[in-house]
Amino acid sequence: MLRRIGLAVGLCLGLVMGFTTSASAAEKLLALIVDGQNNHGIWPKTTQMMKKYLEETGLFTVDVATTAPKGTDANFAPEFSKYAVVISNYNGAAWPAETQKKFADYVKNGGGFVVVHAADNAFPEWTEYNEMIGLGGWGGRNEKSGPYVYITEDGMIIRDEAAGAGGHHGAQHEFTVRTRDNFHPITRGLPREWLHVKDELYDKLRGPGANMQILATAFADPKHGGTGRHEPMLMAVKFGKGRVFHTALGHGDYSQECVGFITTLQRGAEWAATGKVTQDVPKDFPTADALSQRKFTE
């Protein structure tokens, strides 16, 4: 009898002290960052930065899948269905047709997807990808890709179908991001305006823009070469049963050190994976008057 009691106590202690850690690890969300080609040469470092940012939340275990450095990689075939969310730091040659199909099916059937900066330049000819990301730029995009979408000062969404190229930015600079949707889980609790560190401010993005919520914008000031319009910076898109978070921020390693970028990436990935956000806005989040930057260390 005493032996049985001892075993029971030991089992309980094991559950508390040992198995709890294993269970916590098992409950983490699996995330995959895809990279390997990008016109932004800093991509190997920014992949590691984003991997660390996601892991620091305690919510994610992160893998990385890297293509061959040039051309279509015939062997690039990640098992997307293993993951709760895929983060793209990729802008390069087309993936194999079968990989494209599996990825589109993955998102359509409920997979999460996060598009970071130049990843919205990728795959201009891939119809489903452009539906997933909502808006994109460069790669020959024009009015045939969809309307140029921007927002007026008072919040009206304009879908400009006039002829023109898709994708442009002026000189890099610090700029103010304006929260446009205070109720979405990703942006709930963020300041109405916050300063973002030096970055490329994408403008004239074009695409289907279907099932898309514009969460935040930035004014592309003509004095920096911008359009003089409020351009989408953070977007949430529904694609089938899947959720897509699209951030146009994050050009350089310094851009990704912004606490605004870090926080919205972390919250956006959680929302894409689960449909909710459990993370609080950090105390060092930037304000309308002050930048906030965390120097990255590996």
C-alpha atoms as a PDB file:
ATOM      1  CA  MET A   1       0.000   0.000   0.000  1.00  0.00           C
ATOM      2  CA  LEU A   2       2.768   2.429   0.943  1.00  0.00           C
ATOM      3  CA  ARG A   3       4.558   1.562  -2.284  1.00  0.00           C
ATOM      4  CA  ARG A   4       1.422   2.423  -4.272  1.00  0.00           C
ATOM      5  CA  ILE A   5       1.078   5.749  -2.477  1.00  0.00           C
ATOM      6  CA  GLY A   6       4.730   6.530  -3.163  1.00  0.00           C
ATOM      7  CA  LEU A   7       4.267   5.771  -6.851  1.00  0.00           C
ATOM      8  CA  ALA A   8       1.192   7.983  -6.996  1.00  0.00           C
ATOM      9  CA  VAL A   9       3.004  10.857  -5.291  1.00  0.00           C
ATOM     10  CA  GLY A  10       5.991  10.439  -7.594  1.00  0.00           C
ATOM     11  CA  LEU A  11       3.726  10.460 -10.631  1.00  0.00           C
ATOM     12  CA  CYS A  12       2.038  13.661  -9.451  1.00  0.00           C
ATOM     13  CA  LEU A  13       5.390  15.325  -8.822  1.00  0.00           C
ATOM     14  CA  GLY A  14       6.568  14.203 -12.226  1.00  0.00           C
ATOM     15  CA  LEU A  15       3.511  15.742 -13.835  1.00  0.00           C
ATOM     16  CA  VAL A  16       4.124  19.007 -12.033  1.00  0.00           C
ATOM     17  CA  MET A  17       7.900  19.187 -12.343  1.00  0.00           C
ATOM     18  CA  GLY A  18       8.803  17.322 -15.500  1.00  0.00           C
ATOM     19  CA  PHE A  19       5.885  16.542 -17.757  1.00  0.00           C
ATOM     20  CA  THR A  20       4.571  20.094 -17.520  1.00  0.00           C
ATOM     21  CA  THR A  21       7.622  21.369 -19.393  1.00  0.00           C
ATOM     22  CA  SER A  22       7.236  18.696 -22.054  1.00  0.00           C
ATOM     23  CA  ALA A  23       3.555  19.458 -22.431  1.00  0.00           C
ATOM     24  CA  SER A  24       4.265  23.172 -22.748  1.00  0.00           C
ATOM     25  CA  ALA A  25       6.813  22.487 -25.460  1.00  0.00           C
ATOM     26  CA  ALA A  26       4.346  20.227 -27.267  1.00  0.00           C
ATOM     27  CA  GLU A  27       1.680  22.913 -27.140  1.00  0.00           C
ATOM     28  CA  LYS A  28       3.830  25.516 -28.882  1.00  0.00           C
ATOM     29  CA  LEU A  29       2.732  26.570 -32.343  1.00  0.00           C
ATOM     30  CA  LEU A  30       4.937  25.350 -35.168  1.00  0.00           C
ATOM     31  CA  ALA A  31       6.023  28.167 -37.481  1.00  0.00           C
ATOM     32  CA  LEU A  32       8.019  28.035 -40.712  1.00  0.00           C
ATOM     33  CA  ILE A  33      10.016  30.905 -42.244  1.00  0.00           C
ATOM     34  CA  VAL A  34      10.661  30.510 -45.991  1.00  0.00           C
ATOM     35  CA  ASP A  35      13.630  32.326 -47.546  1.00  0.00           C
ATOM     36  CA  GLY A  36      16.612  31.756 -49.839  1.00  0.00           C
ATOM     37  CA  GLN A  37      16.161  34.464 -52.461  1.00  0.00           C
ATOM     38  CA  ASN A  38      15.410  38.132 -51.906  1.00  0.00           C
ATOM     39  CA  ASN A  39      16.421  41.395 -53.581  1.00  0.00           C
ATOM     40  CA  HIS A  40      17.104  42.634 -50.042  1.00  0.00           C
ATOM     41  CA  GLY A  41      20.586  41.245 -49.351  1.00  0.00           C
ATOM     42  CA  ILE A  42      20.113  41.405 -45.587  1.00  0.00           C
ATOM     43  CA  TRP A  43      17.594  38.522 -45.703  1.00  0.00           C
ATOM     44  CA  PRO A  44      19.765  35.907 -43.916  1.00  0.00           C
ATOM     45  CA  LYS A  45      19.961  38.190 -40.885  1.00  0.00           C
ATOM     46  CA  THR A  46      16.317  39.310 -40.962  1.00  0.00           C
ATOM     47  CA  THR A  47      15.215  35.667 -41.059  1.00  0.00           C
ATOM     48  CA  GLN A  48      17.178  35.053 -37.863  1.00  0.00           C
ATOM     49  CA  MET A  49      15.772  38.208 -36.324  1.00  0.00           C
ATOM     50  CA  MET A  50      12.188  37.184 -37.022  1.00  0.00           C
ATOM     51  CA  LYS A  51      12.866  33.650 -35.805  1.00  0.00           C
ATOM     52  CA  LYS A  52      14.143  35.017 -32.514  1.00  0.00           C
ATOM     53  CA  TYR A  53      11.264  37.496 -32.165  1.00  0.00           C
ATOM     54  CA  LEU A  54       8.702  34.737 -32.601  1.00  0.00           C
ATOM     55  CA  GLU A  55      10.468  32.368 -30.232  1.00  0.00           C
ATOM     56  CA  GLU A  56      10.767  35.104 -27.588  1.00  0.00           C
ATOM     57  CA  THR A  57       6.969  35.128 -27.238  1.00  0.00           C
ATOM     58  CA  GLY A  58       7.092  31.592 -25.825  1.00  0.00           C
ATOM     59  CA  LEU A  59       4.321  30.678 -28.265  1.00  0.00           C
ATOM     60  CA  PHE A  60       6.287  29.376 -31.244  1.00  0.00           C
ATOM     61  CA  THR A  61       8.822  26.795 -32.316  1.00  0.00           C
ATOM     62  CA  VAL A  62      10.333  28.061 -35.571  1.00  0.00           C
ATOM     63  CA  ASP A  63      11.869  26.184 -38.493  1.00  0.00           C
ATOM     64  CA  VAL A  64      13.443  27.709 -41.614  1.00  0.00           C
ATOM     65  CA  ALA A  65      13.166  26.379 -45.184  1.00  0.00           C
ATOM     66  CA  THR A  66      15.684  27.879 -47.612  1.00  0.00           C
ATOM     67  CA  THR A  67      15.579  27.555 -51.401  1.00  0.00           C
ATOM     68  CA  ALA A  68      18.535  27.280 -53.743  1.00  0.00           C
ATOM     69  CA  PRO A  69      20.163  30.709 -54.226  1.00  0.00           C
ATOM     70  CA  LYS A  70      19.100  31.085 -57.862  1.00  0.00           C
ATOM     71  CA  GLY A  71      16.307  29.910 -60.126  1.00  0.00           C
ATOM     72  CA  THR A  72      13.385  27.633 -59.406  1.00  0.00           C
ATOM     73  CA  ASP A  73      14.454  25.082 -56.807  1.00  0.00           C
ATOM     74  CA  ALA A  74      12.966  21.766 -57.977  1.00  0.00           C
ATOM     75  CA  ASN A  75      13.614  20.277 -54.520  1.00  0.00           C
ATOM     76  CA  PHE A  76      11.846  23.017 -52.560  1.00  0.00           C
ATOM     77  CA  ALA A  77       8.840  21.214 -51.104  1.00  0.00           C
ATOM     78  CA  PRO A  78       8.228  22.065 -47.427  1.00  0.00           C
ATOM     79  CA  GLU A  79       5.570  20.087 -45.598  1.00  0.00           C
ATOM     80  CA  PHE A  80       3.377  23.148 -45.034  1.00  0.00           C
ATOM     81  CA  SER A  81       0.595  21.151 -43.372  1.00  0.00           C
ATOM     82  CA  LYS A  82       2.843  20.575 -40.314  1.00  0.00           C
ATOM     83  CA  TYR A  83       2.779  24.275 -39.456  1.00  0.00           C
ATOM     84  CA  ALA A  84       0.284  26.628 -37.853  1.00  0.00           C
ATOM     85  CA  VAL A  85       1.787  29.577 -39.724  1.00  0.00           C
ATOM     86  CA  VAL A  86       4.242  30.220 -42.559  1.00  0.00           C
ATOM     87  CA  ILE A  87       6.217  33.487 -42.670  1.00  0.00           C
ATOM     88  CA  SER A  88       7.613  34.592 -46.037  1.00  0.00           C
ATOM     89  CA  ASN A  89      10.934  36.399 -46.255  1.00  0.00           C
ATOM     90  CA  TYR A  90      11.155  35.337 -49.914  1.00  0.00           C
ATOM     91  CA  ASN A  91      11.243  37.312 -53.147  1.00  0.00           C
ATOM     92  CA  GLY A  92      12.729  35.353 -56.015  1.00  0.00           C
ATOM     93  CA  ALA A  93      12.134  32.741 -58.673  1.00  0.00           C
ATOM     94  CA  ALA A  94       8.851  30.867 -58.840  1.00  0.00           C
ATOM     95  CA  TRP A  95       8.448  27.800 -56.666  1.00  0.00           C
ATOM     96  CA  PRO A  96       7.735  24.470 -58.406  1.00  0.00           C
ATOM     97  CA  ALA A  97       4.121  24.237 -59.566  1.00  0.00           C
ATOM     98  CA  GLU A  98       3.350  21.409 -57.132  1.00  0.00           C
ATOM     99  CA  THR A  99       4.775  23.420 -54.215  1.00  0.00           C
ATOM    100  CA  GLN A 100       2.654  26.413 -55.211  1.00  0.00           C
ATOM    101  CA  LYS A 101      -0.466  24.242 -55.295  1.00  0.00           C
ATOM    102  CA  LYS A 102       0.274  22.698 -51.904  1.00  0.00           C
ATOM    103  CA  PHE A 103       0.878  26.116 -50.377  1.00  0.00           C
ATOM    104  CA  ALA A 104      -2.327  27.603 -51.798  1.00  0.00           C
ATOM    105  CA  ASP A 105      -4.272  24.577 -50.530  1.00  0.00           C
ATOM    106  CA  TYR A 106      -2.579  24.910 -47.128  1.00  0.00           C
ATOM    107  CA  VAL A 107      -3.738  28.503 -46.673  1.00  0.00           C
ATOM    108  CA  LYS A 108      -7.143  27.923 -48.264  1.00  0.00           C
ATOM    109  CA  ASN A 109      -7.790  25.074 -45.841  1.00  0.00           C
ATOM    110  CA  GLY A 110      -6.993  27.133 -42.750  1.00  0.00           C
ATOM    111  CA  GLY A 111      -3.230  27.621 -42.611  1.00  0.00           C
ATOM    112  CA  GLY A 112      -1.779  30.919 -41.390  1.00  0.00           C
ATOM    113  CA  PHE A 113       0.456  33.088 -43.550  1.00  0.00           C
ATOM    114  CA  VAL A 114       2.565  36.185 -42.782  1.00  0.00           C
ATOM    115  CA  VAL A 115       3.913  38.325 -45.653  1.00  0.00           C
ATOM    116  CA  VAL A 116       6.890  40.527 -44.765  1.00  0.00           C
ATOM    117  CA  HIS A 117       7.947  43.554 -46.836  1.00  0.00           C
ATOM    118  CA  ALA A 118       9.570  42.376 -50.110  1.00  0.00           C
ATOM    119  CA  ALA A 119       7.591  39.118 -49.994  1.00  0.00           C
ATOM    120  CA  ASP A 120       4.745  41.192 -51.444  1.00  0.00           C
ATOM    121  CA  ASN A 121       6.934  41.755 -54.530  1.00  0.00           C
ATOM    122  CA  ALA A 122       7.092  38.014 -55.218  1.00  0.00           C
ATOM    123  CA  PHE A 123       5.176  35.870 -57.704  1.00  0.00           C
ATOM    124  CA  PRO A 124       3.366  38.524 -59.798  1.00  0.00           C
ATOM    125  CA  GLU A 125       1.978  35.847 -62.140  1.00  0.00           C
ATOM    126  CA  TRP A 126       0.633  33.568 -59.371  1.00  0.00           C
ATOM    127  CA  THR A 127      -3.076  34.448 -59.128  1.00  0.00           C
ATOM    128  CA  GLU A 128      -3.779  32.747 -55.801  1.00  0.00           C
ATOM    129  CA  TYR A 129      -0.710  34.289 -54.166  1.00  0.00           C
ATOM    130  CA  ASN A 130      -1.874  37.759 -55.135  1.00  0.00           C
ATOM    131  CA  GLU A 131      -5.300  36.985 -53.691  1.00  0.00           C
ATOM    132  CA  MET A 132      -3.624  35.847 -50.460  1.00  0.00           C
ATOM    133  CA  ILE A 133      -1.483  38.951 -49.984  1.00  0.00           C
ATOM    134  CA  GLY A 134      -4.204  41.408 -51.029  1.00  0.00           C
ATOM    135  CA  LEU A 135      -1.799  43.957 -52.498  1.00  0.00           C
ATOM    136  CA  GLY A 136       1.675  43.727 -54.006  1.00  0.00           C
ATOM    137  CA  GLY A 137       4.231  45.684 -55.950  1.00  0.00           C
ATOM    138  CA  TRP A 138       6.916  45.497 -58.628  1.00  0.00           C
ATOM    139  CA  GLY A 139       7.496  42.404 -60.782  1.00  0.00           C
ATOM    140  CA  GLY A 140       5.573  43.988 -63.648  1.00  0.00           C
ATOM    141  CA  ARG A 141       2.414  44.585 -61.635  1.00  0.00           C
ATOM    142  CA  ASN A 142       0.078  47.193 -63.129  1.00  0.00           C
ATOM    143  CA  GLU A 143      -3.639  47.948 -63.485  1.00  0.00           C
ATOM    144  CA  LYS A 144      -4.193  44.383 -64.735  1.00  0.00           C
ATOM    145  CA  SER A 145      -3.052  43.154 -61.314  1.00  0.00           C
ATOM    146  CA  GLY A 146      -5.817  45.085 -59.595  1.00  0.00           C
ATOM    147  CA  PRO A 147      -6.529  48.597 -58.339  1.00  0.00           C
ATOM    148  CA  TYR A 148      -4.085  50.847 -56.529  1.00  0.00           C
ATOM    149  CA  VAL A 149      -5.500  50.982 -52.996  1.00  0.00           C
ATOM    150  CA  TYR A 150      -4.956  53.852 -50.574  1.00  0.00           C
ATOM    151  CA  ILE A 151      -6.845  55.677 -47.817  1.00  0.00           C
ATOM    152  CA  THR A 152      -7.923  59.282 -47.517  1.00  0.00           C
ATOM    153  CA  GLU A 153      -7.153  61.391 -44.448  1.00  0.00           C
ATOM    154  CA  ASP A 154     -10.624  60.678 -43.034  1.00  0.00           C
ATOM    155  CA  GLY A 155     -10.389  56.930 -43.602  1.00  0.00           C
ATOM    156  CA  MET A 156     -12.148  56.373 -46.921  1.00  0.00           C
ATOM    157  CA  ILE A 157     -10.687  53.470 -48.916  1.00  0.00           C
ATOM    158  CA  ILE A 158      -9.955  54.378 -52.541  1.00  0.00           C
ATOM    159  CA  ARG A 159      -9.601  51.676 -55.204  1.00  0.00           C
ATOM    160  CA  ASP A 160      -7.986  53.501 -58.121  1.00  0.00           C
ATOM    161  CA  GLU A 161      -8.267  51.461 -61.320  1.00  0.00           C
ATOM    162  CA  ALA A 162      -6.423  53.952 -63.535  1.00  0.00           C
ATOM    163  CA  ALA A 163      -3.481  52.624 -65.557  1.00  0.00           C
ATOM    164  CA  GLY A 164      -0.107  52.644 -63.828  1.00  0.00           C
ATOM    165  CA  ALA A 165       2.691  50.576 -62.381  1.00  0.00           C
ATOM    166  CA  GLY A 166       2.340  48.830 -59.037  1.00  0.00           C
ATOM    167  CA  GLY A 167       4.949  49.385 -56.355  1.00  0.00           C
ATOM    168  CA  HIS A 168       7.079  52.402 -55.504  1.00  0.00           C
ATOM    169  CA  HIS A 169       8.844  54.016 -52.569  1.00  0.00           C
ATOM    170  CA  GLY A 170      10.777  57.181 -51.900  1.00  0.00           C
ATOM    171  CA  ALA A 171      13.918  57.636 -49.813  1.00  0.00           C
ATOM    172  CA  GLN A 172      14.088  55.725 -46.546  1.00  0.00           C
ATOM    173  CA  HIS A 173      13.105  57.744 -43.500  1.00  0.00           C
ATOM    174  CA  GLU A 174      11.405  57.562 -40.122  1.00  0.00           C
ATOM    175  CA  PHE A 175       7.637  57.888 -40.429  1.00  0.00           C
ATOM    176  CA  THR A 176       4.415  57.777 -38.442  1.00  0.00           C
ATOM    177  CA  VAL A 177       2.199  54.698 -38.640  1.00  0.00           C
ATOM    178  CA  ARG A 178      -1.478  55.400 -38.033  1.00  0.00           C
ATOM    179  CA  THR A 179      -3.675  52.656 -36.583  1.00  0.00           C
ATOM    180  CA  ARG A 180      -6.867  52.490 -38.650  1.00  0.00           C
ATOM    181  CA  ASP A 181      -8.594  49.529 -36.994  1.00  0.00           C
ATOM    182  CA  ASN A 182      -8.622  49.534 -33.189  1.00  0.00           C
ATOM    183  CA  PHE A 183     -10.816  46.443 -32.945  1.00  0.00           C
ATOM    184  CA  HIS A 184      -8.779  43.871 -34.856  1.00  0.00           C
ATOM    185  CA  PRO A 185      -6.844  41.518 -32.529  1.00  0.00           C
ATOM    186  CA  ILE A 186      -3.489  42.478 -34.088  1.00  0.00           C
ATOM    187  CA  THR A 187      -3.859  46.228 -33.581  1.00  0.00           C
ATOM    188  CA  ARG A 188      -6.146  46.313 -30.548  1.00  0.00           C
ATOM    189  CA  GLY A 189      -4.488  48.405 -27.850  1.00  0.00           C
ATOM    190  CA  LEU A 190      -1.927  50.066 -30.125  1.00  0.00           C
ATOM    191  CA  PRO A 191      -1.601  53.866 -30.037  1.00  0.00           C
ATOM    192  CA  ARG A 192      -3.534  55.773 -32.688  1.00  0.00           C
ATOM    193  CA  GLU A 193      -0.163  56.927 -34.055  1.00  0.00           C
ATOM    194  CA  TRP A 194       3.368  55.633 -33.475  1.00  0.00           C
ATOM    195  CA  LEU A 195       6.794  56.402 -34.889  1.00  0.00           C
ATOM    196  CA  HIS A 196       8.550  53.768 -36.964  1.00  0.00           C
ATOM    197  CA  VAL A 197      12.328  53.736 -37.450  1.00  0.00           C
ATOM    198  CA  LYS A 198      13.947  54.346 -40.847  1.00  0.00           C
ATOM    199  CA  ASP A 199      12.354  52.159 -43.496  1.00  0.00           C
ATOM    200  CA  GLU A 200      11.095  52.038 -47.062  1.00  0.00           C
ATOM    201  CA  LEU A 201       7.542  53.357 -47.154  1.00  0.00           C
ATOM    202  CA  TYR A 202       5.847  51.298 -49.863  1.00  0.00           C
ATOM    203  CA  ASP A 203       3.240  53.059 -51.976  1.00  0.00           C
ATOM    204  CA  LYS A 204       1.156  52.423 -55.105  1.00  0.00           C
ATOM    205  CA  LEU A 205       0.583  48.796 -54.130  1.00  0.00           C
ATOM    206  CA  ARG A 206      -1.895  47.000 -56.388  1.00  0.00           C
ATOM    207  CA  GLY A 207      -3.870  43.798 -56.198  1.00  0.00           C
ATOM    208  CA  PRO A 208      -7.284  42.215 -55.817  1.00  0.00           C
ATOM    209  CA  GLY A 209      -7.619  43.557 -52.273  1.00  0.00           C
ATOM    210  CA  ALA A 210     -10.513  41.187 -51.617  1.00  0.00           C
ATOM    211  CA  ASN A 211     -11.497  40.184 -48.070  1.00  0.00           C
ATOM    212  CA  MET A 212      -8.845  42.617 -46.843  1.00  0.00           C
ATOM    213  CA  GLN A 213      -8.847  44.835 -43.765  1.00  0.00           C
ATOM    214  CA  ILE A 214      -6.397  47.713 -43.695  1.00  0.00           C
ATOM    215  CA  LEU A 215      -5.168  47.825 -40.105  1.00  0.00           C
ATOM    216  CA  ALA A 216      -2.638  50.672 -40.322  1.00  0.00           C
ATOM    217  CA  THR A 217      -1.349  53.213 -42.827  1.00  0.00           C
ATOM    218  CA  ALA A 218       1.475  55.714 -43.267  1.00  0.00           C
ATOM    219  CA  PHE A 219       1.540  59.025 -45.113  1.00  0.00           C
ATOM    220  CA  ALA A 220       3.926  58.881 -48.068  1.00  0.00           C
ATOM    221  CA  ASP A 221       5.246  62.414 -47.824  1.00  0.00           C
ATOM    222  CA  PRO A 222       6.186  64.004 -51.178  1.00  0.00           C
ATOM    223  CA  LYS A 223       9.264  65.587 -49.573  1.00  0.00           C
ATOM    224  CA  HIS A 224      10.685  62.040 -49.319  1.00  0.00           C
ATOM    225  CA  GLY A 225       9.510  61.086 -52.810  1.00  0.00           C
ATOM    226  CA  GLY A 226       6.119  59.679 -51.757  1.00  0.00           C
ATOM    227  CA  THR A 227       2.664  59.943 -53.271  1.00  0.00           C
ATOM    228  CA  GLY A 228       1.143  62.414 -50.833  1.00  0.00           C
ATOM    229  CA  ARG A 229      -1.362  59.719 -49.825  1.00  0.00           C
ATOM    230  CA  HIS A 230      -1.973  57.442 -46.869  1.00  0.00           C
ATOM    231  CA  GLU A 231      -0.674  54.012 -47.916  1.00  0.00           C
ATOM    232  CA  PRO A 232      -1.516  50.603 -46.382  1.00  0.00           C
ATOM    233  CA  MET A 233       1.221  49.316 -44.075  1.00  0.00           C
ATOM    234  CA  LEU A 234      -0.513  46.527 -42.118  1.00  0.00           C
ATOM    235  CA  MET A 235      -3.276  44.371 -43.572  1.00  0.00           C
ATOM    236  CA  ALA A 236      -5.293  41.299 -42.645  1.00  0.00           C
ATOM    237  CA  VAL A 237      -6.663  39.120 -45.429  1.00  0.00           C
ATOM    238  CA  LYS A 238      -8.973  36.111 -45.396  1.00  0.00           C
ATOM    239  CA  PHE A 239      -8.224  33.488 -48.055  1.00  0.00           C
ATOM    240  CA  GLY A 240     -10.627  30.577 -47.900  1.00  0.00           C
ATOM    241  CA  LYS A 241     -10.426  29.360 -44.311  1.00  0.00           C
ATOM    242  CA  GLY A 242      -6.929  30.813 -43.898  1.00  0.00           C
ATOM    243  CA  ARG A 243      -5.759  34.055 -42.287  1.00  0.00           C
ATOM    244  CA  VAL A 244      -3.016  36.238 -43.764  1.00  0.00           C
ATOM    245  CA  PHE A 245      -1.159  39.070 -42.029  1.00  0.00           C
ATOM    246  CA  HIS A 246       0.669  41.383 -44.439  1.00  0.00           C
ATOM    247  CA  THR A 247       3.229  43.915 -43.186  1.00  0.00           C
ATOM    248  CA  ALA A 248       4.879  46.265 -45.660  1.00  0.00           C
ATOM    249  CA  LEU A 249       7.393  47.235 -42.953  1.00  0.00           C
ATOM    250  CA  GLY A 250      10.810  45.660 -42.407  1.00  0.00           C
ATOM    251  CA  HIS A 251      13.241  46.629 -45.189  1.00  0.00           C
ATOM    252  CA  GLY A 252      16.494  46.555 -43.194  1.00  0.00           C
ATOM    253  CA  ASP A 253      17.784  44.975 -40.008  1.00  0.00           C
ATOM    254  CA  TYR A 254      17.469  48.425 -38.399  1.00  0.00           C
ATOM    255  CA  SER A 255      13.826  48.598 -39.580  1.00  0.00           C
ATOM    256  CA  GLN A 256      13.097  45.246 -37.943  1.00  0.00           C
ATOM    257  CA  GLU A 257      14.586  46.449 -34.660  1.00  0.00           C
ATOM    258  CA  CYS A 258      11.614  48.806 -34.266  1.00  0.00           C
ATOM    259  CA  VAL A 259       9.432  47.637 -31.386  1.00  0.00           C
ATOM    260  CA  GLY A 260       6.432  48.469 -33.567  1.00  0.00           C
ATOM    261  CA  PHE A 261       7.628  46.011 -36.200  1.00  0.00           C
ATOM    262  CA  ILE A 262       8.490  43.355 -33.622  1.00  0.00           C
ATOM    263  CA  THR A 263       5.161  43.617 -31.812  1.00  0.00           C
ATOM    264  CA  THR A 264       2.979  43.592 -34.919  1.00  0.00           C
ATOM    265  CA  LEU A 265       4.964  40.653 -36.358  1.00  0.00           C
ATOM    266  CA  GLN A 266       4.509  38.667 -33.145  1.00  0.00           C
ATOM    267  CA  ARG A 267       0.820  39.506 -32.818  1.00  0.00           C
ATOM    268  CA  GLY A 268       0.213  39.065 -36.553  1.00  0.00           C
ATOM    269  CA  ALA A 269       1.774  35.603 -36.543  1.00  0.00           C
ATOM    270  CA  GLU A 270      -0.314  34.523 -33.570  1.00  0.00           C
ATOM    271  CA  TRP A 271      -3.506  35.804 -35.202  1.00  0.00           C
ATOM    272  CA  ALA A 272      -2.684  34.116 -38.509  1.00  0.00           C
ATOM    273  CA  ALA A 273      -2.056  30.846 -36.672  1.00  0.00           C
ATOM    274  CA  THR A 274      -4.993  30.892 -34.239  1.00  0.00           C
ATOM    275  CA  GLY A 275      -7.405  33.722 -35.024  1.00  0.00           C
ATOM    276  CA  LYS A 276      -6.718  35.447 -31.724  1.00  0.00           C
ATOM    277  CA  VAL A 277      -3.980  37.430 -29.957  1.00  0.00           C
ATOM    278  CA  THR A 278      -3.031  36.781 -26.347  1.00  0.00           C
ATOM    279  CA  GLN A 279       0.040  39.045 -26.249  1.00  0.00           C
ATOM    280  CA  ASP A 280      -0.090  42.414 -24.518  1.00  0.00           C
ATOM    281  CA  VAL A 281       1.292  45.579 -26.078  1.00  0.00           C
ATOM    282  CA  PRO A 282       4.766  45.999 -24.524  1.00  0.00           C
ATOM    283  CA  LYS A 283       5.561  48.990 -22.338  1.00  0.00           C
ATOM    284  CA  ASP A 284       8.339  50.075 -24.706  1.00  0.00           C
ATOM    285  CA  PHE A 285       6.035  50.293 -27.719  1.00  0.00           C
ATOM    286  CA  PRO A 286       6.731  53.517 -29.661  1.00  0.00           C
ATOM    287  CA  THR A 287       4.530  56.555 -29.237  1.00  0.00           C
ATOM    288  CA  ALA A 288       3.510  59.386 -31.514  1.00  0.00           C
ATOM    289  CA  ASP A 289       6.537  61.345 -30.295  1.00  0.00           C
ATOM    290  CA  ALA A 290       9.198  58.740 -29.552  1.00  0.00           C
ATOM    291  CA  LEU A 291      10.862  55.928 -31.476  1.00  0.00           C
ATOM    292  CA  SER A 292      11.545  52.630 -29.733  1.00  0.00           C
ATOM    293  CA  GLN A 293      14.248  50.298 -31.007  1.00  0.00           C
ATOM    294  CA  ARG A 294      15.652  47.062 -29.562  1.00  0.00           C
ATOM    295  CA  LYS A 295      19.172  46.343 -30.779  1.00  0.00           C
ATOM    296  CA  PHE A 296      19.291  42.795 -32.100  1.00  0.00           C
ATOM    297  CA  THR A 297      21.810  40.354 -30.661  1.00  0.00           C
ATOM    298  CA  GLU A 298      22.038  36.738 -31.739  1.00  0.00           C
END
